[in-house]
Each structure stands twice: as C-alpha cells, then as structure tokens.
PDB file of all heavy atoms in Angstrom:
ATOM      1  N   GLY A   1       0.861  -1.172  -0.038  1.00  0.00           N
ATOM      2  CA  GLY A   1      -0.024   0.068  -0.048  1.00  0.00           C
ATOM      3  C   GLY A   1       0.854   1.209   0.042  1.00  0.00           C
ATOM      4  O   GLY A   1       2.036   1.224  -0.369  1.00  0.00           O
ATOM      5  N   LEU A   2       0.231   2.389   0.458  1.00  0.00           N
ATOM      6  CA  LEU A   2       0.861   3.631   0.524  1.00  0.00           C
ATOM      7  C   LEU A   2       1.343   4.015   1.835  1.00  0.00           C
ATOM      8  O   LEU A   2       0.610   3.772   2.872  1.00  0.00           O
ATOM      9  CB  LEU A   2      -0.162   4.707   0.051  1.00  0.00           C
ATOM     10  CG  LEU A   2       0.308   6.210   0.055  1.00  0.00           C
ATOM     11  CD1 LEU A   2       1.456   6.302  -1.018  1.00  0.00           C
ATOM     12  CD2 LEU A   2      -0.863   7.067  -0.235  1.00  0.00           C
ATOM     13  N   ALA A   3       2.536   4.463   1.971  1.00  0.00           N
ATOM     14  CA  ALA A   3       3.145   4.878   3.303  1.00  0.00           C
ATOM     15  C   ALA A   3       3.892   6.244   3.021  1.00  0.00           C
ATOM     16  O   ALA A   3       4.319   6.519   2.002  1.00  0.00           O
ATOM     17  CB  ALA A   3       4.140   3.743   3.767  1.00  0.00           C
ATOM     18  N   GLN A   4       4.108   6.833   4.157  1.00  0.00           N
ATOM     19  CA  GLN A   4       4.917   8.082   4.219  1.00  0.00           C
ATOM     20  C   GLN A   4       6.399   7.722   4.558  1.00  0.00           C
ATOM     21  O   GLN A   4       6.554   6.739   5.252  1.00  0.00           O
ATOM     22  CB  GLN A   4       4.290   9.108   5.125  1.00  0.00           C
ATOM     23  CG  GLN A   4       2.897   9.569   4.644  1.00  0.00           C
ATOM     24  CD  GLN A   4       2.444  10.754   5.565  1.00  0.00           C
ATOM     25  OE1 GLN A   4       2.907  10.953   6.668  1.00  0.00           O
ATOM     26  NE2 GLN A   4       1.511  11.534   5.026  1.00  0.00           N
ATOM     27  N   PRO A   5       7.296   8.616   4.203  1.00  0.00           N
ATOM     28  CA  PRO A   5       8.669   8.308   4.552  1.00  0.00           C
ATOM     29  C   PRO A   5       8.760   8.242   6.077  1.00  0.00           C
ATOM     30  O   PRO A   5       8.129   9.016   6.843  1.00  0.00           O
ATOM     31  CB  PRO A   5       9.425   9.572   4.042  1.00  0.00           C
ATOM     32  CG  PRO A   5       8.532   9.985   2.853  1.00  0.00           C
ATOM     33  CD  PRO A   5       7.166   9.758   3.265  1.00  0.00           C
ATOM     34  N   GLY A   6       9.474   7.195   6.547  1.00  0.00           N
ATOM     35  CA  GLY A   6       9.593   7.018   7.973  1.00  0.00           C
ATOM     36  C   GLY A   6       8.517   6.025   8.588  1.00  0.00           C
ATOM     37  O   GLY A   6       8.742   5.518   9.636  1.00  0.00           O
ATOM     38  N   ASP A   7       7.530   5.753   7.792  1.00  0.00           N
ATOM     39  CA  ASP A   7       6.521   4.870   8.265  1.00  0.00           C
ATOM     40  C   ASP A   7       7.024   3.313   8.137  1.00  0.00           C
ATOM     41  O   ASP A   7       8.127   3.094   7.643  1.00  0.00           O
ATOM     42  CB  ASP A   7       5.259   4.875   7.391  1.00  0.00           C
ATOM     43  CG  ASP A   7       4.447   6.123   7.694  1.00  0.00           C
ATOM     44  OD1 ASP A   7       4.745   6.841   8.733  1.00  0.00           O
ATOM     45  OD2 ASP A   7       3.459   6.326   7.017  1.00  0.00           O
ATOM     46  N   SER A   8       6.119   2.482   8.677  1.00  0.00           N
ATOM     47  CA  SER A   8       6.409   1.018   8.556  1.00  0.00           C
ATOM     48  C   SER A   8       5.309   0.305   7.928  1.00  0.00           C
ATOM     49  O   SER A   8       4.084   0.835   7.954  1.00  0.00           O
ATOM     50  CB  SER A   8       6.540   0.476  10.066  1.00  0.00           C
ATOM     51  OG  SER A   8       7.580   0.990  10.693  1.00  0.00           O
ATOM     52  N   LEU A   9       5.618  -0.702   7.234  1.00  0.00           N
ATOM     53  CA  LEU A   9       4.682  -1.615   6.648  1.00  0.00           C
ATOM     54  C   LEU A   9       5.155  -3.079   6.814  1.00  0.00           C
ATOM     55  O   LEU A   9       6.323  -3.295   6.884  1.00  0.00           O
ATOM     56  CB  LEU A   9       4.506  -1.385   5.098  1.00  0.00           C
ATOM     57  CG  LEU A   9       3.591  -0.261   4.563  1.00  0.00           C
ATOM     58  CD1 LEU A   9       3.699  -0.162   3.122  1.00  0.00           C
ATOM     59  CD2 LEU A   9       2.202  -0.495   5.025  1.00  0.00           C
ATOM     60  N   THR A  10       4.228  -3.956   6.834  1.00  0.00           N
ATOM     61  CA  THR A  10       4.510  -5.357   6.826  1.00  0.00           C
ATOM     62  C   THR A  10       3.882  -6.155   5.707  1.00  0.00           C
ATOM     63  O   THR A  10       2.690  -6.104   5.499  1.00  0.00           O
ATOM     64  CB  THR A  10       4.062  -6.017   8.186  1.00  0.00           C
ATOM     65  OG1 THR A  10       4.679  -5.337   9.282  1.00  0.00           O
ATOM     66  CG2 THR A  10       4.478  -7.514   8.298  1.00  0.00           C
ATOM     67  N   LEU A  11       4.658  -6.809   4.983  1.00  0.00           N
ATOM     68  CA  LEU A  11       4.246  -7.677   3.822  1.00  0.00           C
ATOM     69  C   LEU A  11       4.130  -9.101   4.335  1.00  0.00           C
ATOM     70  O   LEU A  11       4.986  -9.556   5.142  1.00  0.00           O
ATOM     71  CB  LEU A  11       5.146  -7.558   2.625  1.00  0.00           C
ATOM     72  CG  LEU A  11       5.454  -6.213   2.066  1.00  0.00           C
ATOM     73  CD1 LEU A  11       6.306  -6.360   0.786  1.00  0.00           C
ATOM     74  CD2 LEU A  11       4.110  -5.500   1.723  1.00  0.00           C
ATOM     75  N   SER A  12       3.134  -9.787   3.840  1.00  0.00           N
ATOM     76  CA  SER A  12       3.062 -11.213   4.193  1.00  0.00           C
ATOM     77  C   SER A  12       3.013 -11.951   2.853  1.00  0.00           C
ATOM     78  O   SER A  12       2.554 -11.511   1.805  1.00  0.00           O
ATOM     79  CB  SER A  12       1.744 -11.484   4.850  1.00  0.00           C
ATOM     80  OG  SER A  12       1.657 -10.748   6.081  1.00  0.00           O
ATOM     81  N   CYS A  13       3.479 -13.245   2.937  1.00  0.00           N
ATOM     82  CA  CYS A  13       3.442 -14.150   1.731  1.00  0.00           C
ATOM     83  C   CYS A  13       3.108 -15.503   2.269  1.00  0.00           C
ATOM     84  O   CYS A  13       3.833 -16.112   3.019  1.00  0.00           O
ATOM     85  CB  CYS A  13       4.796 -14.214   1.105  1.00  0.00           C
ATOM     86  SG  CYS A  13       4.930 -15.436  -0.264  1.00  0.00           S
ATOM     87  N   THR A  14       1.898 -15.966   1.876  1.00  0.00           N
ATOM     88  CA  THR A  14       1.408 -17.261   2.203  1.00  0.00           C
ATOM     89  C   THR A  14       1.719 -18.224   1.154  1.00  0.00           C
ATOM     90  O   THR A  14       1.390 -17.984  -0.038  1.00  0.00           O
ATOM     91  CB  THR A  14      -0.036 -17.222   2.555  1.00  0.00           C
ATOM     92  OG1 THR A  14      -0.165 -16.358   3.670  1.00  0.00           O
ATOM     93  CG2 THR A  14      -0.525 -18.654   3.041  1.00  0.00           C
ATOM     94  N   VAL A  15       2.273 -19.360   1.494  1.00  0.00           N
ATOM     95  CA  VAL A  15       2.610 -20.507   0.499  1.00  0.00           C
ATOM     96  C   VAL A  15       1.579 -21.599   0.582  1.00  0.00           C
ATOM     97  O   VAL A  15       1.292 -22.059   1.674  1.00  0.00           O
ATOM     98  CB  VAL A  15       4.072 -20.983   0.790  1.00  0.00           C
ATOM     99  CG1 VAL A  15       4.423 -22.032  -0.261  1.00  0.00           C
ATOM    100  CG2 VAL A  15       4.993 -19.811   0.821  1.00  0.00           C
ATOM    101  N   SER A  16       1.137 -22.052  -0.571  1.00  0.00           N
ATOM    102  CA  SER A  16       0.252 -23.187  -0.660  1.00  0.00           C
ATOM    103  C   SER A  16       0.739 -24.095  -1.645  1.00  0.00           C
ATOM    104  O   SER A  16       1.551 -23.763  -2.518  1.00  0.00           O
ATOM    105  CB  SER A  16      -1.216 -22.717  -0.894  1.00  0.00           C
ATOM    106  OG  SER A  16      -1.258 -22.065  -2.128  1.00  0.00           O
ATOM    107  N   GLY A  17       0.203 -25.389  -1.567  1.00  0.00           N
ATOM    108  CA  GLY A  17       0.746 -26.348  -2.468  1.00  0.00           C
ATOM    109  C   GLY A  17       1.934 -27.163  -1.916  1.00  0.00           C
ATOM    110  O   GLY A  17       2.012 -27.218  -0.724  1.00  0.00           O
ATOM    111  N   ARG A  18       2.727 -27.638  -2.769  1.00  0.00           N
ATOM    112  CA  ARG A  18       3.888 -28.373  -2.331  1.00  0.00           C
ATOM    113  C   ARG A  18       4.908 -27.491  -1.589  1.00  0.00           C
ATOM    114  O   ARG A  18       5.133 -26.365  -2.055  1.00  0.00           O
ATOM    115  CB  ARG A  18       4.540 -29.051  -3.496  1.00  0.00           C
ATOM    116  CG  ARG A  18       5.875 -29.829  -3.078  1.00  0.00           C
ATOM    117  CD  ARG A  18       6.460 -30.363  -4.331  1.00  0.00           C
ATOM    118  NE  ARG A  18       7.736 -31.050  -3.989  1.00  0.00           N
ATOM    119  CZ  ARG A  18       8.638 -31.502  -4.824  1.00  0.00           C
ATOM    120  NH1 ARG A  18       8.451 -31.285  -6.209  1.00  0.00           N
ATOM    121  NH2 ARG A  18       9.705 -32.058  -4.497  1.00  0.00           N
ATOM    122  N   THR A  19       5.406 -27.923  -0.555  1.00  0.00           N
ATOM    123  CA  THR A  19       6.531 -27.261   0.130  1.00  0.00           C
ATOM    124  C   THR A  19       7.690 -28.186   0.281  1.00  0.00           C
ATOM    125  O   THR A  19       7.516 -29.346  -0.028  1.00  0.00           O
ATOM    126  CB  THR A  19       6.149 -26.682   1.488  1.00  0.00           C
ATOM    127  OG1 THR A  19       5.648 -27.791   2.331  1.00  0.00           O
ATOM    128  CG2 THR A  19       5.078 -25.643   1.474  1.00  0.00           C
ATOM    129  N   PHE A  20       8.845 -27.702   0.649  1.00  0.00           N
ATOM    130  CA  PHE A  20       9.968 -28.469   0.680  1.00  0.00           C
ATOM    131  C   PHE A  20      10.620 -28.447   2.037  1.00  0.00           C
ATOM    132  O   PHE A  20      10.541 -27.393   2.784  1.00  0.00           O
ATOM    133  CB  PHE A  20      11.042 -27.961  -0.364  1.00  0.00           C
ATOM    134  CG  PHE A  20      10.465 -27.793  -1.753  1.00  0.00           C
ATOM    135  CD1 PHE A  20       9.779 -26.712  -2.149  1.00  0.00           C
ATOM    136  CD2 PHE A  20      10.674 -28.875  -2.679  1.00  0.00           C
ATOM    137  CE1 PHE A  20       9.278 -26.622  -3.432  1.00  0.00           C
ATOM    138  CE2 PHE A  20      10.146 -28.708  -3.952  1.00  0.00           C
ATOM    139  CZ  PHE A  20       9.446 -27.606  -4.316  1.00  0.00           C
ATOM    140  N   SER A  21      11.256 -29.490   2.454  1.00  0.00           N
ATOM    141  CA  SER A  21      11.813 -29.591   3.741  1.00  0.00           C
ATOM    142  C   SER A  21      13.065 -28.575   3.836  1.00  0.00           C
ATOM    143  O   SER A  21      13.278 -28.112   4.939  1.00  0.00           O
ATOM    144  CB  SER A  21      12.310 -31.045   4.087  1.00  0.00           C
ATOM    145  OG  SER A  21      13.184 -31.472   3.120  1.00  0.00           O
ATOM    146  N   SER A  22      13.686 -28.365   2.829  1.00  0.00           N
ATOM    147  CA  SER A  22      14.822 -27.426   2.822  1.00  0.00           C
ATOM    148  C   SER A  22      14.624 -26.435   1.602  1.00  0.00           C
ATOM    149  O   SER A  22      14.742 -26.744   0.528  1.00  0.00           O
ATOM    150  CB  SER A  22      16.124 -28.159   2.562  1.00  0.00           C
ATOM    151  OG  SER A  22      16.416 -29.021   3.693  1.00  0.00           O
ATOM    152  N   TRP A  23      14.145 -25.289   1.990  1.00  0.00           N
ATOM    153  CA  TRP A  23      13.981 -24.303   0.947  1.00  0.00           C
ATOM    154  C   TRP A  23      14.154 -22.868   1.534  1.00  0.00           C
ATOM    155  O   TRP A  23      14.238 -22.789   2.693  1.00  0.00           O
ATOM    156  CB  TRP A  23      12.613 -24.401   0.311  1.00  0.00           C
ATOM    157  CG  TRP A  23      11.367 -24.198   1.184  1.00  0.00           C
ATOM    158  CD1 TRP A  23      11.088 -24.794   2.302  1.00  0.00           C
ATOM    159  CD2 TRP A  23      10.367 -23.282   0.927  1.00  0.00           C
ATOM    160  NE1 TRP A  23       9.953 -24.358   2.831  1.00  0.00           N
ATOM    161  CE2 TRP A  23       9.404 -23.406   2.001  1.00  0.00           C
ATOM    162  CE3 TRP A  23      10.069 -22.387  -0.114  1.00  0.00           C
ATOM    163  CZ2 TRP A  23       8.291 -22.667   2.073  1.00  0.00           C
ATOM    164  CZ3 TRP A  23       8.829 -21.702  -0.033  1.00  0.00           C
ATOM    165  CH2 TRP A  23       7.985 -21.802   1.100  1.00  0.00           C
ATOM    166  N   THR A  24      14.281 -21.923   0.693  1.00  0.00           N
ATOM    167  CA  THR A  24      14.619 -20.604   1.081  1.00  0.00           C
ATOM    168  C   THR A  24      13.677 -19.606   0.432  1.00  0.00           C
ATOM    169  O   THR A  24      13.832 -19.264  -0.760  1.00  0.00           O
ATOM    170  CB  THR A  24      16.025 -20.190   0.732  1.00  0.00           C
ATOM    171  OG1 THR A  24      16.942 -21.151   1.179  1.00  0.00           O
ATOM    172  CG2 THR A  24      16.362 -18.887   1.253  1.00  0.00           C
ATOM    173  N   PRO A  25      12.664 -19.170   1.140  1.00  0.00           N
ATOM    174  CA  PRO A  25      11.698 -18.158   0.593  1.00  0.00           C
ATOM    175  C   PRO A  25      12.255 -16.769   0.844  1.00  0.00           C
ATOM    176  O   PRO A  25      13.123 -16.592   1.693  1.00  0.00           O
ATOM    177  CB  PRO A  25      10.443 -18.334   1.354  1.00  0.00           C
ATOM    178  CG  PRO A  25      10.877 -18.933   2.684  1.00  0.00           C
ATOM    179  CD  PRO A  25      12.116 -19.729   2.351  1.00  0.00           C
ATOM    180  N   GLY A  26      11.795 -15.750   0.161  1.00  0.00           N
ATOM    181  CA  GLY A  26      12.201 -14.405   0.365  1.00  0.00           C
ATOM    182  C   GLY A  26      11.502 -13.374  -0.458  1.00  0.00           C
ATOM    183  O   GLY A  26      10.351 -13.611  -0.951  1.00  0.00           O
ATOM    184  N   TRP A  27      12.103 -12.233  -0.555  1.00  0.00           N
ATOM    185  CA  TRP A  27      11.542 -11.106  -1.211  1.00  0.00           C
ATOM    186  C   TRP A  27      12.450 -10.459  -2.276  1.00  0.00           C
ATOM    187  O   TRP A  27      13.662 -10.305  -1.984  1.00  0.00           O
ATOM    188  CB  TRP A  27      11.129 -10.053  -0.212  1.00  0.00           C
ATOM    189  CG  TRP A  27      10.114 -10.597   0.750  1.00  0.00           C
ATOM    190  CD1 TRP A  27      10.374 -11.107   1.925  1.00  0.00           C
ATOM    191  CD2 TRP A  27       8.651 -10.504   0.591  1.00  0.00           C
ATOM    192  NE1 TRP A  27       9.226 -11.539   2.555  1.00  0.00           N
ATOM    193  CE2 TRP A  27       8.077 -11.121   1.767  1.00  0.00           C
ATOM    194  CE3 TRP A  27       7.772 -10.025  -0.328  1.00  0.00           C
ATOM    195  CZ2 TRP A  27       6.705 -11.262   2.010  1.00  0.00           C
ATOM    196  CZ3 TRP A  27       6.481 -10.123  -0.160  1.00  0.00           C
ATOM    197  CH2 TRP A  27       5.905 -10.736   0.963  1.00  0.00           C
ATOM    198  N   PHE A  28      11.932 -10.089  -3.368  1.00  0.00           N
ATOM    199  CA  PHE A  28      12.577  -9.179  -4.422  1.00  0.00           C
ATOM    200  C   PHE A  28      11.713  -8.020  -4.575  1.00  0.00           C
ATOM    201  O   PHE A  28      10.550  -7.930  -4.188  1.00  0.00           O
ATOM    202  CB  PHE A  28      12.788  -9.960  -5.671  1.00  0.00           C
ATOM    203  CG  PHE A  28      13.823 -11.042  -5.665  1.00  0.00           C
ATOM    204  CD1 PHE A  28      13.654 -12.213  -4.873  1.00  0.00           C
ATOM    205  CD2 PHE A  28      14.966 -10.877  -6.431  1.00  0.00           C
ATOM    206  CE1 PHE A  28      14.651 -13.257  -4.846  1.00  0.00           C
ATOM    207  CE2 PHE A  28      15.925 -11.904  -6.436  1.00  0.00           C
ATOM    208  CZ  PHE A  28      15.798 -12.993  -5.662  1.00  0.00           C
ATOM    209  N   ARG A  29      12.291  -7.030  -5.257  1.00  0.00           N
ATOM    210  CA  ARG A  29      11.412  -5.825  -5.640  1.00  0.00           C
ATOM    211  C   ARG A  29      11.908  -5.274  -6.940  1.00  0.00           C
ATOM    212  O   ARG A  29      13.067  -5.547  -7.390  1.00  0.00           O
ATOM    213  CB  ARG A  29      11.506  -4.754  -4.529  1.00  0.00           C
ATOM    214  CG  ARG A  29      12.918  -4.110  -4.354  1.00  0.00           C
ATOM    215  CD  ARG A  29      12.921  -3.160  -3.156  1.00  0.00           C
ATOM    216  NE  ARG A  29      14.206  -2.459  -3.010  1.00  0.00           N
ATOM    217  CZ  ARG A  29      14.440  -1.621  -2.040  1.00  0.00           C
ATOM    218  NH1 ARG A  29      13.525  -1.439  -1.074  1.00  0.00           N
ATOM    219  NH2 ARG A  29      15.674  -1.111  -2.007  1.00  0.00           N
ATOM    220  N   GLN A  30      10.994  -4.521  -7.584  1.00  0.00           N
ATOM    221  CA  GLN A  30      11.279  -3.936  -8.877  1.00  0.00           C
ATOM    222  C   GLN A  30      10.626  -2.525  -8.936  1.00  0.00           C
ATOM    223  O   GLN A  30       9.486  -2.444  -8.731  1.00  0.00           O
ATOM    224  CB  GLN A  30      10.815  -4.838 -10.063  1.00  0.00           C
ATOM    225  CG  GLN A  30      11.268  -4.370 -11.426  1.00  0.00           C
ATOM    226  CD  GLN A  30      10.970  -5.300 -12.430  1.00  0.00           C
ATOM    227  OE1 GLN A  30      10.104  -6.247 -12.314  1.00  0.00           O
ATOM    228  NE2 GLN A  30      11.746  -5.248 -13.630  1.00  0.00           N
ATOM    229  N   SER A  31      11.452  -1.546  -9.213  1.00  0.00           N
ATOM    230  CA  SER A  31      11.004  -0.199  -9.345  1.00  0.00           C
ATOM    231  C   SER A  31      10.824   0.049 -10.902  1.00  0.00           C
ATOM    232  O   SER A  31      11.534  -0.600 -11.696  1.00  0.00           O
ATOM    233  CB  SER A  31      11.976   0.693  -8.751  1.00  0.00           C
ATOM    234  OG  SER A  31      12.262   0.452  -7.384  1.00  0.00           O
ATOM    235  N   PRO A  32      10.075   0.991 -11.229  1.00  0.00           N
ATOM    236  CA  PRO A  32       9.920   1.266 -12.667  1.00  0.00           C
ATOM    237  C   PRO A  32      11.219   1.607 -13.347  1.00  0.00           C
ATOM    238  O   PRO A  32      12.010   2.493 -12.762  1.00  0.00           O
ATOM    239  CB  PRO A  32       8.931   2.520 -12.632  1.00  0.00           C
ATOM    240  CG  PRO A  32       8.266   2.377 -11.368  1.00  0.00           C
ATOM    241  CD  PRO A  32       9.118   1.754 -10.378  1.00  0.00           C
ATOM    242  N   GLY A  33      11.521   1.034 -14.412  1.00  0.00           N
ATOM    243  CA  GLY A  33      12.742   1.255 -15.215  1.00  0.00           C
ATOM    244  C   GLY A  33      13.987   0.606 -14.647  1.00  0.00           C
ATOM    245  O   GLY A  33      15.068   0.852 -15.155  1.00  0.00           O
ATOM    246  N   LYS A  34      13.776  -0.202 -13.576  1.00  0.00           N
ATOM    247  CA  LYS A  34      14.986  -0.853 -12.945  1.00  0.00           C
ATOM    248  C   LYS A  34      14.768  -2.348 -13.066  1.00  0.00           C
ATOM    249  O   LYS A  34      13.627  -2.868 -13.174  1.00  0.00           O
ATOM    250  CB  LYS A  34      15.142  -0.324 -11.531  1.00  0.00           C
ATOM    251  CG  LYS A  34      15.477   0.990 -11.362  1.00  0.00           C
ATOM    252  CD  LYS A  34      15.838   1.357  -9.922  1.00  0.00           C
ATOM    253  CE  LYS A  34      16.295   2.805  -9.731  1.00  0.00           C
ATOM    254  NZ  LYS A  34      16.595   3.154  -8.299  1.00  0.00           N
ATOM    255  N   GLU A  35      15.864  -3.105 -12.910  1.00  0.00           N
ATOM    256  CA  GLU A  35      15.836  -4.452 -12.876  1.00  0.00           C
ATOM    257  C   GLU A  35      15.311  -4.925 -11.444  1.00  0.00           C
ATOM    258  O   GLU A  35      15.492  -4.254 -10.415  1.00  0.00           O
ATOM    259  CB  GLU A  35      17.217  -5.111 -13.118  1.00  0.00           C
ATOM    260  CG  GLU A  35      17.592  -4.944 -14.490  1.00  0.00           C
ATOM    261  CD  GLU A  35      18.944  -5.573 -14.765  1.00  0.00           C
ATOM    262  OE1 GLU A  35      19.542  -6.246 -13.884  1.00  0.00           O
ATOM    263  OE2 GLU A  35      19.343  -5.622 -15.987  1.00  0.00           O
ATOM    264  N   ARG A  36      14.723  -6.179 -11.465  1.00  0.00           N
ATOM    265  CA  ARG A  36      14.255  -6.761 -10.171  1.00  0.00           C
ATOM    266  C   ARG A  36      15.520  -7.035  -9.354  1.00  0.00           C
ATOM    267  O   ARG A  36      16.493  -7.493  -9.856  1.00  0.00           O
ATOM    268  CB  ARG A  36      13.453  -7.996 -10.426  1.00  0.00           C
ATOM    269  CG  ARG A  36      12.802  -8.492  -9.197  1.00  0.00           C
ATOM    270  CD  ARG A  36      11.501  -9.380  -9.507  1.00  0.00           C
ATOM    271  NE  ARG A  36      11.762 -10.361 -10.512  1.00  0.00           N
ATOM    272  CZ  ARG A  36      10.829 -11.143 -11.056  1.00  0.00           C
ATOM    273  NH1 ARG A  36       9.586 -11.018 -10.634  1.00  0.00           N
ATOM    274  NH2 ARG A  36      11.122 -11.983 -11.911  1.00  0.00           N
ATOM    275  N   GLU A  37      15.360  -6.746  -8.012  1.00  0.00           N
ATOM    276  CA  GLU A  37      16.531  -6.973  -7.128  1.00  0.00           C
ATOM    277  C   GLU A  37      16.160  -7.696  -5.898  1.00  0.00           C
ATOM    278  O   GLU A  37      15.011  -7.602  -5.452  1.00  0.00           O
ATOM    279  CB  GLU A  37      17.152  -5.548  -6.738  1.00  0.00           C
ATOM    280  CG  GLU A  37      16.191  -4.685  -5.948  1.00  0.00           C
ATOM    281  CD  GLU A  37      16.865  -3.303  -5.430  1.00  0.00           C
ATOM    282  OE1 GLU A  37      18.064  -3.110  -5.763  1.00  0.00           O
ATOM    283  OE2 GLU A  37      16.184  -2.600  -4.856  1.00  0.00           O
ATOM    284  N   PHE A  38      17.113  -8.399  -5.369  1.00  0.00           N
ATOM    285  CA  PHE A  38      16.963  -9.117  -4.171  1.00  0.00           C
ATOM    286  C   PHE A  38      16.827  -8.190  -3.001  1.00  0.00           C
ATOM    287  O   PHE A  38      17.446  -7.145  -2.868  1.00  0.00           O
ATOM    288  CB  PHE A  38      18.104 -10.061  -3.928  1.00  0.00           C
ATOM    289  CG  PHE A  38      18.271 -10.660  -2.554  1.00  0.00           C
ATOM    290  CD1 PHE A  38      17.385 -11.729  -2.185  1.00  0.00           C
ATOM    291  CD2 PHE A  38      19.184 -10.202  -1.585  1.00  0.00           C
ATOM    292  CE1 PHE A  38      17.483 -12.291  -0.918  1.00  0.00           C
ATOM    293  CE2 PHE A  38      19.327 -10.826  -0.334  1.00  0.00           C
ATOM    294  CZ  PHE A  38      18.378 -11.817   0.010  1.00  0.00           C
ATOM    295  N   VAL A  39      15.858  -8.463  -2.066  1.00  0.00           N
ATOM    296  CA  VAL A  39      15.670  -7.705  -0.885  1.00  0.00           C
ATOM    297  C   VAL A  39      16.074  -8.516   0.384  1.00  0.00           C
ATOM    298  O   VAL A  39      16.934  -8.013   1.247  1.00  0.00           O
ATOM    299  CB  VAL A  39      14.227  -7.225  -0.755  1.00  0.00           C
ATOM    300  CG1 VAL A  39      13.957  -6.557   0.619  1.00  0.00           C
ATOM    301  CG2 VAL A  39      13.875  -6.388  -1.903  1.00  0.00           C
ATOM    302  N   ALA A  40      15.481  -9.644   0.590  1.00  0.00           N
ATOM    303  CA  ALA A  40      15.754 -10.433   1.819  1.00  0.00           C
ATOM    304  C   ALA A  40      15.259 -11.897   1.605  1.00  0.00           C
ATOM    305  O   ALA A  40      14.442 -12.236   0.738  1.00  0.00           O
ATOM    306  CB  ALA A  40      14.960  -9.906   3.045  1.00  0.00           C
ATOM    307  N   GLY A  41      15.907 -12.774   2.310  1.00  0.00           N
ATOM    308  CA  GLY A  41      15.577 -14.197   2.263  1.00  0.00           C
ATOM    309  C   GLY A  41      15.764 -14.849   3.634  1.00  0.00           C
ATOM    310  O   GLY A  41      16.491 -14.267   4.487  1.00  0.00           O
ATOM    311  N   ILE A  42      15.093 -15.991   3.759  1.00  0.00           N
ATOM    312  CA  ILE A  42      15.221 -16.743   5.055  1.00  0.00           C
ATOM    313  C   ILE A  42      15.178 -18.214   4.827  1.00  0.00           C
ATOM    314  O   ILE A  42      14.372 -18.685   4.107  1.00  0.00           O
ATOM    315  CB  ILE A  42      14.049 -16.308   6.064  1.00  0.00           C
ATOM    316  CG1 ILE A  42      14.293 -16.958   7.396  1.00  0.00           C
ATOM    317  CG2 ILE A  42      12.740 -16.538   5.444  1.00  0.00           C
ATOM    318  CD1 ILE A  42      13.389 -16.292   8.489  1.00  0.00           C
ATOM    319  N   ARG A  43      16.081 -18.906   5.444  1.00  0.00           N
ATOM    320  CA  ARG A  43      16.052 -20.332   5.322  1.00  0.00           C
ATOM    321  C   ARG A  43      14.826 -20.839   6.202  1.00  0.00           C
ATOM    322  O   ARG A  43      14.610 -20.486   7.313  1.00  0.00           O
ATOM    323  CB  ARG A  43      17.352 -20.957   5.949  1.00  0.00           C
ATOM    324  CG  ARG A  43      18.565 -20.943   5.059  1.00  0.00           C
ATOM    325  CD  ARG A  43      19.645 -21.852   5.711  1.00  0.00           C
ATOM    326  NE  ARG A  43      20.785 -21.718   4.949  1.00  0.00           N
ATOM    327  CZ  ARG A  43      21.982 -22.263   5.403  1.00  0.00           C
ATOM    328  NH1 ARG A  43      21.993 -22.970   6.486  1.00  0.00           N
ATOM    329  NH2 ARG A  43      23.114 -22.036   4.768  1.00  0.00           N
ATOM    330  N   TRP A  44      14.055 -21.741   5.535  1.00  0.00           N
ATOM    331  CA  TRP A  44      12.953 -22.211   6.170  1.00  0.00           C
ATOM    332  C   TRP A  44      13.311 -23.027   7.486  1.00  0.00           C
ATOM    333  O   TRP A  44      12.684 -23.027   8.434  1.00  0.00           O
ATOM    334  CB  TRP A  44      12.109 -23.048   5.250  1.00  0.00           C
ATOM    335  CG  TRP A  44      10.701 -23.304   5.721  1.00  0.00           C
ATOM    336  CD1 TRP A  44      10.240 -24.419   6.203  1.00  0.00           C
ATOM    337  CD2 TRP A  44       9.668 -22.363   5.807  1.00  0.00           C
ATOM    338  NE1 TRP A  44       8.850 -24.318   6.597  1.00  0.00           N
ATOM    339  CE2 TRP A  44       8.535 -22.987   6.325  1.00  0.00           C
ATOM    340  CE3 TRP A  44       9.540 -20.990   5.490  1.00  0.00           C
ATOM    341  CZ2 TRP A  44       7.351 -22.384   6.570  1.00  0.00           C
ATOM    342  CZ3 TRP A  44       8.365 -20.323   5.701  1.00  0.00           C
ATOM    343  CH2 TRP A  44       7.274 -21.083   6.175  1.00  0.00           C
ATOM    344  N   THR A  45      14.313 -23.836   7.312  1.00  0.00           N
ATOM    345  CA  THR A  45      14.887 -24.616   8.405  1.00  0.00           C
ATOM    346  C   THR A  45      16.153 -23.997   8.919  1.00  0.00           C
ATOM    347  O   THR A  45      17.044 -23.781   8.232  1.00  0.00           O
ATOM    348  CB  THR A  45      15.253 -25.999   7.917  1.00  0.00           C
ATOM    349  OG1 THR A  45      14.076 -26.687   7.330  1.00  0.00           O
ATOM    350  CG2 THR A  45      15.758 -26.879   9.115  1.00  0.00           C
TER     351      THR A  45
END
C-alpha cells in the first residue's frame, strides 16, 4: 500500500501447495525502469 517516509509496513506471503523440507523463501522488488533486485531471504529450516 501507500506509506509516508519513515513509516512502517509489513508484507506477508502465504505459501500453498507443495513445500520443501529445505527451501529458502524471500523477497525481491522492482522499481519502474529498474531490474528486479533481491531484498531479503530466510532459510525455512
């Protein structure tokens, strides 16, 4: 959504279907005119 500078937001990502015992979900982002870039990741285990 929309936030002001200095604000906080929380994104959620729910996974359905097959999951893996060892996998690494995370977040990327893409701004207009830029390539998609890595933001953060976390080992599930």
